[in-house]
Amino acid sequence: GPPSFRMGPRGRVMYRIEALDAWISEQEQ
């Protein structure tokens, strides 16, 4: 899926909006 990372003491999964938009563009291409 789109790139993600963990952040914080509980390891919350995060996604950057720029990464989501880039991933969407890759899927379109």
PDB file of all heavy atoms in Angstrom:
ATOM      1  N   GLY A   1       0.825  -1.193   0.000  1.00  0.00           N
ATOM      2  CA  GLY A   1       0.000   0.000   0.000  1.00  0.00           C
ATOM      3  C   GLY A   1       0.860   1.244   0.000  1.00  0.00           C
ATOM      4  O   GLY A   1       2.052   1.193  -0.268  1.00  0.00           O
ATOM      5  N   PRO A   2       0.262   2.376   0.324  1.00  0.00           N
ATOM      6  CA  PRO A   2       1.033   3.616   0.376  1.00  0.00           C
ATOM      7  C   PRO A   2       2.044   3.580   1.525  1.00  0.00           C
ATOM      8  O   PRO A   2       1.844   2.873   2.517  1.00  0.00           O
ATOM      9  CB  PRO A   2      -0.036   4.683   0.623  1.00  0.00           C
ATOM     10  CG  PRO A   2      -1.216   3.972   1.144  1.00  0.00           C
ATOM     11  CD  PRO A   2      -1.154   2.581   0.623  1.00  0.00           C
ATOM     12  N   PRO A   3       3.141   4.344   1.395  1.00  0.00           N
ATOM     13  CA  PRO A   3       4.161   4.337   2.439  1.00  0.00           C
ATOM     14  C   PRO A   3       3.637   4.912   3.753  1.00  0.00           C
ATOM     15  O   PRO A   3       2.864   5.864   3.762  1.00  0.00           O
ATOM     16  CB  PRO A   3       5.279   5.212   1.868  1.00  0.00           C
ATOM     17  CG  PRO A   3       4.684   5.957   0.735  1.00  0.00           C
ATOM     18  CD  PRO A   3       3.481   5.200   0.275  1.00  0.00           C
ATOM     19  N   SER A   4       4.053   4.304   4.846  1.00  0.00           N
ATOM     20  CA  SER A   4       3.617   4.732   6.173  1.00  0.00           C
ATOM     21  C   SER A   4       4.788   4.610   7.133  1.00  0.00           C
ATOM     22  O   SER A   4       5.837   4.060   6.806  1.00  0.00           O
ATOM     23  CB  SER A   4       2.449   3.873   6.641  1.00  0.00           C
ATOM     24  OG  SER A   4       2.848   2.524   6.741  1.00  0.00           O
ATOM     25  N   PHE A   5       4.583   5.113   8.336  1.00  0.00           N
ATOM     26  CA  PHE A   5       5.602   4.997   9.375  1.00  0.00           C
ATOM     27  C   PHE A   5       4.916   5.006  10.734  1.00  0.00           C
ATOM     28  O   PHE A   5       3.743   5.363  10.840  1.00  0.00           O
ATOM     29  CB  PHE A   5       6.631   6.130   9.275  1.00  0.00           C
ATOM     30  CG  PHE A   5       6.037   7.505   9.417  1.00  0.00           C
ATOM     31  CD1 PHE A   5       6.059   8.158  10.641  1.00  0.00           C
ATOM     32  CD2 PHE A   5       5.461   8.151   8.328  1.00  0.00           C
ATOM     33  CE1 PHE A   5       5.507   9.427  10.779  1.00  0.00           C
ATOM     34  CE2 PHE A   5       4.916   9.421   8.454  1.00  0.00           C
ATOM     35  CZ  PHE A   5       4.941  10.066   9.683  1.00  0.00           C
ATOM     36  N   ARG A   6       5.639   4.586  11.758  1.00  0.00           N
ATOM     37  CA  ARG A   6       5.109   4.586  13.126  1.00  0.00           C
ATOM     38  C   ARG A   6       5.682   5.787  13.873  1.00  0.00           C
ATOM     39  O   ARG A   6       6.836   6.152  13.686  1.00  0.00           O
ATOM     40  CB  ARG A   6       5.473   3.302  13.844  1.00  0.00           C
ATOM     41  CG  ARG A   6       4.734   2.103  13.285  1.00  0.00           C
ATOM     42  CD  ARG A   6       4.880   0.919  14.240  1.00  0.00           C
ATOM     43  NE  ARG A   6       4.074  -0.189  13.800  1.00  0.00           N
ATOM     44  CZ  ARG A   6       2.807  -0.391  14.148  1.00  0.00           C
ATOM     45  NH1 ARG A   6       2.198   0.463  14.933  1.00  0.00           N
ATOM     46  NH2 ARG A   6       2.141  -1.435  13.717  1.00  0.00           N
ATOM     47  N   MET A   7       4.836   6.377  14.731  1.00  0.00           N
ATOM     48  CA  MET A   7       5.272   7.548  15.468  1.00  0.00           C
ATOM     49  C   MET A   7       4.695   7.508  16.880  1.00  0.00           C
ATOM     50  O   MET A   7       3.572   7.042  17.080  1.00  0.00           O
ATOM     51  CB  MET A   7       4.794   8.812  14.753  1.00  0.00           C
ATOM     52  CG  MET A   7       5.303  10.094  15.357  1.00  0.00           C
ATOM     53  SD  MET A   7       4.880  11.520  14.362  1.00  0.00           S
ATOM     54  CE  MET A   7       3.250  11.877  14.983  1.00  0.00           C
ATOM     55  N   GLY A   8       5.473   7.996  17.821  1.00  0.00           N
ATOM     56  CA  GLY A   8       4.998   8.110  19.193  1.00  0.00           C
ATOM     57  C   GLY A   8       5.270   6.883  20.026  1.00  0.00           C
ATOM     58  O   GLY A   8       5.677   5.838  19.517  1.00  0.00           O
ATOM     59  N   PRO A   9       5.024   6.987  21.320  1.00  0.00           N
ATOM     60  CA  PRO A   9       5.322   5.885  22.231  1.00  0.00           C
ATOM     61  C   PRO A   9       4.457   4.654  21.985  1.00  0.00           C
ATOM     62  O   PRO A   9       4.858   3.538  22.288  1.00  0.00           O
ATOM     63  CB  PRO A   9       5.054   6.475  23.626  1.00  0.00           C
ATOM     64  CG  PRO A   9       4.196   7.666  23.408  1.00  0.00           C
ATOM     65  CD  PRO A   9       4.485   8.165  22.018  1.00  0.00           C
ATOM     66  N   ARG A  10       3.272   4.838  21.430  1.00  0.00           N
ATOM     67  CA  ARG A  10       2.400   3.693  21.165  1.00  0.00           C
ATOM     68  C   ARG A  10       2.544   3.185  19.731  1.00  0.00           C
ATOM     69  O   ARG A  10       1.863   2.253  19.323  1.00  0.00           O
ATOM     70  CB  ARG A  10       0.951   4.079  21.453  1.00  0.00           C
ATOM     71  CG  ARG A  10       0.763   4.340  22.948  1.00  0.00           C
ATOM     72  CD  ARG A  10      -0.505   5.036  23.300  1.00  0.00           C
ATOM     73  NE  ARG A  10      -1.697   4.320  22.900  1.00  0.00           N
ATOM     74  CZ  ARG A  10      -2.913   4.825  22.974  1.00  0.00           C
ATOM     75  NH1 ARG A  10      -3.087   6.056  23.434  1.00  0.00           N
ATOM     76  NH2 ARG A  10      -3.959   4.132  22.605  1.00  0.00           N
ATOM     77  N   GLY A  11       3.409   3.811  18.962  1.00  0.00           N
ATOM     78  CA  GLY A  11       3.666   3.349  17.601  1.00  0.00           C
ATOM     79  C   GLY A  11       2.499   3.546  16.653  1.00  0.00           C
ATOM     80  O   GLY A  11       2.190   2.676  15.847  1.00  0.00           O
ATOM     81  N   ARG A  12       1.844   4.695  16.751  1.00  0.00           N
ATOM     82  CA  ARG A  12       0.696   4.979  15.890  1.00  0.00           C
ATOM     83  C   ARG A  12       1.139   5.029  14.424  1.00  0.00           C
ATOM     84  O   ARG A  12       2.141   5.641  14.082  1.00  0.00           O
ATOM     85  CB  ARG A  12       0.086   6.319  16.297  1.00  0.00           C
ATOM     86  CG  ARG A  12      -1.138   6.663  15.532  1.00  0.00           C
ATOM     87  CD  ARG A  12      -1.774   7.917  16.071  1.00  0.00           C
ATOM     88  NE  ARG A  12      -2.918   8.253  15.232  1.00  0.00           N
ATOM     89  CZ  ARG A  12      -3.567   9.385  15.303  1.00  0.00           C
ATOM     90  NH1 ARG A  12      -3.212  10.301  16.172  1.00  0.00           N
ATOM     91  NH2 ARG A  12      -4.581   9.605  14.517  1.00  0.00           N
ATOM     92  N   VAL A  13       0.384   4.372  13.556  1.00  0.00           N
ATOM     93  CA  VAL A  13       0.693   4.344  12.125  1.00  0.00           C
ATOM     94  C   VAL A  13       0.268   5.665  11.504  1.00  0.00           C
ATOM     95  O   VAL A  13      -0.867   6.115  11.681  1.00  0.00           O
ATOM     96  CB  VAL A  13      -0.019   3.160  11.422  1.00  0.00           C
ATOM     97  CG1 VAL A  13       0.224   3.200   9.925  1.00  0.00           C
ATOM     98  CG2 VAL A  13       0.446   1.841  12.007  1.00  0.00           C
ATOM     99  N   MET A  14       1.199   6.284  10.780  1.00  0.00           N
ATOM    100  CA  MET A  14       0.957   7.587  10.181  1.00  0.00           C
ATOM    101  C   MET A  14       1.206   7.527   8.671  1.00  0.00           C
ATOM    102  O   MET A  14       2.025   6.743   8.202  1.00  0.00           O
ATOM    103  CB  MET A  14       1.905   8.629  10.798  1.00  0.00           C
ATOM    104  CG  MET A  14       1.845   8.725  12.306  1.00  0.00           C
ATOM    105  SD  MET A  14       0.303   9.400  12.910  1.00  0.00           S
ATOM    106  CE  MET A  14       0.488  11.090  12.452  1.00  0.00           C
ATOM    107  N   TYR A  15       0.484   8.373   7.953  1.00  0.00           N
ATOM    108  CA  TYR A  15       0.645   8.523   6.508  1.00  0.00           C
ATOM    109  C   TYR A  15       0.761  10.012   6.208  1.00  0.00           C
ATOM    110  O   TYR A  15      -0.034  10.802   6.705  1.00  0.00           O
ATOM    111  CB  TYR A  15      -0.568   7.968   5.764  1.00  0.00           C
ATOM    112  CG  TYR A  15      -0.759   6.479   5.901  1.00  0.00           C
ATOM    113  CD1 TYR A  15      -1.435   5.937   6.980  1.00  0.00           C
ATOM    114  CD2 TYR A  15      -0.266   5.623   4.939  1.00  0.00           C
ATOM    115  CE1 TYR A  15      -1.613   4.577   7.109  1.00  0.00           C
ATOM    116  CE2 TYR A  15      -0.437   4.255   5.056  1.00  0.00           C
ATOM    117  CZ  TYR A  15      -1.113   3.739   6.137  1.00  0.00           C
ATOM    118  OH  TYR A  15      -1.287   2.392   6.249  1.00  0.00           O
ATOM    119  N   ARG A  16       1.711  10.389   5.400  1.00  0.00           N
ATOM    120  CA  ARG A  16       1.821  11.779   4.958  1.00  0.00           C
ATOM    121  C   ARG A  16       0.884  11.974   3.764  1.00  0.00           C
ATOM    122  O   ARG A  16       0.813  11.120   2.878  1.00  0.00           O
ATOM    123  CB  ARG A  16       3.238  12.124   4.549  1.00  0.00           C
ATOM    124  CG  ARG A  16       4.223  12.110   5.691  1.00  0.00           C
ATOM    125  CD  ARG A  16       5.566  12.666   5.238  1.00  0.00           C
ATOM    126  NE  ARG A  16       6.512  12.635   6.320  1.00  0.00           N
ATOM    127  CZ  ARG A  16       6.623  13.602   7.232  1.00  0.00           C
ATOM    128  NH1 ARG A  16       5.860  14.655   7.148  1.00  0.00           N
ATOM    129  NH2 ARG A  16       7.505  13.495   8.203  1.00  0.00           N
ATOM    130  N   ILE A  17       0.190  13.101   3.730  1.00  0.00           N
ATOM    131  CA  ILE A  17      -0.734  13.377   2.626  1.00  0.00           C
ATOM    132  C   ILE A  17       0.017  13.390   1.298  1.00  0.00           C
ATOM    133  O   ILE A  17      -0.475  12.864   0.292  1.00  0.00           O
ATOM    134  CB  ILE A  17      -1.482  14.698   2.860  1.00  0.00           C
ATOM    135  CG1 ILE A  17      -2.444  14.528   4.027  1.00  0.00           C
ATOM    136  CG2 ILE A  17      -2.220  15.140   1.604  1.00  0.00           C
ATOM    137  CD1 ILE A  17      -3.195  15.778   4.409  1.00  0.00           C
ATOM    138  N   GLU A  18       1.226  13.952   1.283  1.00  0.00           N
ATOM    139  CA  GLU A  18       2.024  13.988   0.048  1.00  0.00           C
ATOM    140  C   GLU A  18       2.329  12.573  -0.446  1.00  0.00           C
ATOM    141  O   GLU A  18       2.314  12.310  -1.643  1.00  0.00           O
ATOM    142  CB  GLU A  18       3.343  14.746   0.265  1.00  0.00           C
ATOM    143  CG  GLU A  18       3.170  16.191   0.647  1.00  0.00           C
ATOM    144  CD  GLU A  18       2.950  16.418   2.145  1.00  0.00           C
ATOM    145  OE1 GLU A  18       3.041  15.444   2.948  1.00  0.00           O
ATOM    146  OE2 GLU A  18       2.657  17.564   2.523  1.00  0.00           O
ATOM    147  N   ALA A  19       2.594  11.659   0.496  1.00  0.00           N
ATOM    148  CA  ALA A  19       2.883  10.272   0.122  1.00  0.00           C
ATOM    149  C   ALA A  19       1.633   9.589  -0.410  1.00  0.00           C
ATOM    150  O   ALA A  19       1.706   8.790  -1.358  1.00  0.00           O
ATOM    151  CB  ALA A  19       3.443   9.505   1.319  1.00  0.00           C
ATOM    152  N   LEU A  20       0.477   9.905   0.181  1.00  0.00           N
ATOM    153  CA  LEU A  20      -0.777   9.327  -0.317  1.00  0.00           C
ATOM    154  C   LEU A  20      -1.072   9.821  -1.731  1.00  0.00           C
ATOM    155  O   LEU A  20      -1.455   9.033  -2.607  1.00  0.00           O
ATOM    156  CB  LEU A  20      -1.938   9.679   0.612  1.00  0.00           C
ATOM    157  CG  LEU A  20      -1.878   9.098   2.024  1.00  0.00           C
ATOM    158  CD1 LEU A  20      -3.048   9.612   2.853  1.00  0.00           C
ATOM    159  CD2 LEU A  20      -1.861   7.587   1.991  1.00  0.00           C
ATOM    160  N   ASP A  21      -0.880  11.128  -1.959  1.00  0.00           N
ATOM    161  CA  ASP A  21      -1.118  11.681  -3.294  1.00  0.00           C
ATOM    162  C   ASP A  21      -0.162  11.080  -4.328  1.00  0.00           C
ATOM    163  O   ASP A  21      -0.567  10.755  -5.446  1.00  0.00           O
ATOM    164  CB  ASP A  21      -0.988  13.203  -3.280  1.00  0.00           C
ATOM    165  CG  ASP A  21      -2.132  13.884  -2.545  1.00  0.00           C
ATOM    166  OD1 ASP A  21      -3.230  13.268  -2.431  1.00  0.00           O
ATOM    167  OD2 ASP A  21      -1.947  15.024  -2.090  1.00  0.00           O
ATOM    168  N   ALA A  22       1.105  10.919  -3.954  1.00  0.00           N
ATOM    169  CA  ALA A  22       2.083  10.316  -4.864  1.00  0.00           C
ATOM    170  C   ALA A  22       1.715   8.869  -5.161  1.00  0.00           C
ATOM    171  O   ALA A  22       1.819   8.410  -6.310  1.00  0.00           O
ATOM    172  CB  ALA A  22       3.489  10.399  -4.264  1.00  0.00           C
ATOM    173  N   TRP A  23       1.251   8.142  -4.146  1.00  0.00           N
ATOM    174  CA  TRP A  23       0.863   6.744  -4.331  1.00  0.00           C
ATOM    175  C   TRP A  23      -0.344   6.645  -5.264  1.00  0.00           C
ATOM    176  O   TRP A  23      -0.396   5.775  -6.132  1.00  0.00           O
ATOM    177  CB  TRP A  23       0.578   6.112  -2.976  1.00  0.00           C
ATOM    178  CG  TRP A  23       0.281   4.660  -3.052  1.00  0.00           C
ATOM    179  CD1 TRP A  23       1.176   3.638  -3.182  1.00  0.00           C
ATOM    180  CD2 TRP A  23      -1.013   4.052  -3.028  1.00  0.00           C
ATOM    181  NE1 TRP A  23       0.513   2.435  -3.219  1.00  0.00           N
ATOM    182  CE2 TRP A  23      -0.836   2.657  -3.131  1.00  0.00           C
ATOM    183  CE3 TRP A  23      -2.305   4.551  -2.925  1.00  0.00           C
ATOM    184  CZ2 TRP A  23      -1.892   1.771  -3.142  1.00  0.00           C
ATOM    185  CZ3 TRP A  23      -3.356   3.661  -2.924  1.00  0.00           C
ATOM    186  CH2 TRP A  23      -3.155   2.291  -3.032  1.00  0.00           C
ATOM    187  N   ILE A  24      -1.299   7.560  -5.098  1.00  0.00           N
ATOM    188  CA  ILE A  24      -2.468   7.591  -5.988  1.00  0.00           C
ATOM    189  C   ILE A  24      -2.014   7.825  -7.423  1.00  0.00           C
ATOM    190  O   ILE A  24      -2.475   7.144  -8.354  1.00  0.00           O
ATOM    191  CB  ILE A  24      -3.471   8.675  -5.537  1.00  0.00           C
ATOM    192  CG1 ILE A  24      -4.140   8.268  -4.228  1.00  0.00           C
ATOM    193  CG2 ILE A  24      -4.519   8.929  -6.614  1.00  0.00           C
ATOM    194  CD1 ILE A  24      -4.937   9.389  -3.571  1.00  0.00           C
ATOM    195  N   SER A  25      -1.098   8.755  -7.631  1.00  0.00           N
ATOM    196  CA  SER A  25      -0.586   9.028  -8.982  1.00  0.00           C
ATOM    197  C   SER A  25       0.096   7.801  -9.581  1.00  0.00           C
ATOM    198  O   SER A  25      -0.071   7.504 -10.765  1.00  0.00           O
ATOM    199  CB  SER A  25       0.390  10.201  -8.959  1.00  0.00           C
ATOM    200  OG  SER A  25      -0.281  11.382  -8.636  1.00  0.00           O
ATOM    201  N   GLU A  26       0.862   7.078  -8.757  1.00  0.00           N
ATOM    202  CA  GLU A  26       1.515   5.851  -9.232  1.00  0.00           C
ATOM    203  C   GLU A  26       0.475   4.826  -9.667  1.00  0.00           C
ATOM    204  O   GLU A  26       0.661   4.130 -10.681  1.00  0.00           O
ATOM    205  CB  GLU A  26       2.391   5.263  -8.141  1.00  0.00           C
ATOM    206  CG  GLU A  26       3.627   6.056  -7.826  1.00  0.00           C
ATOM    207  CD  GLU A  26       4.346   5.532  -6.591  1.00  0.00           C
ATOM    208  OE1 GLU A  26       4.037   4.407  -6.131  1.00  0.00           O
ATOM    209  OE2 GLU A  26       5.211   6.261  -6.075  1.00  0.00           O
ATOM    210  N   GLN A  27      -0.603   4.715  -8.904  1.00  0.00           N
ATOM    211  CA  GLN A  27      -1.654   3.756  -9.249  1.00  0.00           C
ATOM    212  C   GLN A  27      -2.320   4.146 -10.562  1.00  0.00           C
ATOM    213  O   GLN A  27      -2.628   3.285 -11.390  1.00  0.00           O
ATOM    214  CB  GLN A  27      -2.704   3.679  -8.131  1.00  0.00           C
ATOM    215  CG  GLN A  27      -2.164   3.282  -6.776  1.00  0.00           C
ATOM    216  CD  GLN A  27      -1.281   2.043  -6.836  1.00  0.00           C
ATOM    217  OE1 GLN A  27      -1.720   0.980  -7.253  1.00  0.00           O
ATOM    218  NE2 GLN A  27      -0.043   2.183  -6.426  1.00  0.00           N
ATOM    219  N   GLU A  28      -2.536   5.443 -10.771  1.00  0.00           N
ATOM    220  CA  GLU A  28      -3.144   5.915 -12.016  1.00  0.00           C
ATOM    221  C   GLU A  28      -2.248   5.605 -13.211  1.00  0.00           C
ATOM    222  O   GLU A  28      -2.726   5.183 -14.260  1.00  0.00           O
ATOM    223  CB  GLU A  28      -3.399   7.419 -11.956  1.00  0.00           C
ATOM    224  CG  GLU A  28      -4.533   7.795 -11.049  1.00  0.00           C
ATOM    225  CD  GLU A  28      -4.699   9.296 -10.910  1.00  0.00           C
ATOM    226  OE1 GLU A  28      -3.717  10.048 -11.069  1.00  0.00           O
ATOM    227  OE2 GLU A  28      -5.831   9.719 -10.636  1.00  0.00           O
ATOM    228  N   GLN A  29      -0.948   5.806 -13.038  1.00  0.00           N
ATOM    229  CA  GLN A  29      -0.012   5.559 -14.128  1.00  0.00           C
ATOM    230  C   GLN A  29       0.117   4.075 -14.447  1.00  0.00           C
ATOM    231  O   GLN A  29       0.404   3.703 -15.578  1.00  0.00           O
ATOM    232  CB  GLN A  29       1.366   6.147 -13.804  1.00  0.00           C
ATOM    233  CG  GLN A  29       1.377   7.653 -13.772  1.00  0.00           C
ATOM    234  CD  GLN A  29       0.892   8.271 -15.067  1.00  0.00           C
ATOM    235  OE1 GLN A  29       1.332   7.893 -16.146  1.00  0.00           O
ATOM    236  NE2 GLN A  29      -0.026   9.214 -14.970  1.00  0.00           N
TER     237      GLN A  29
END
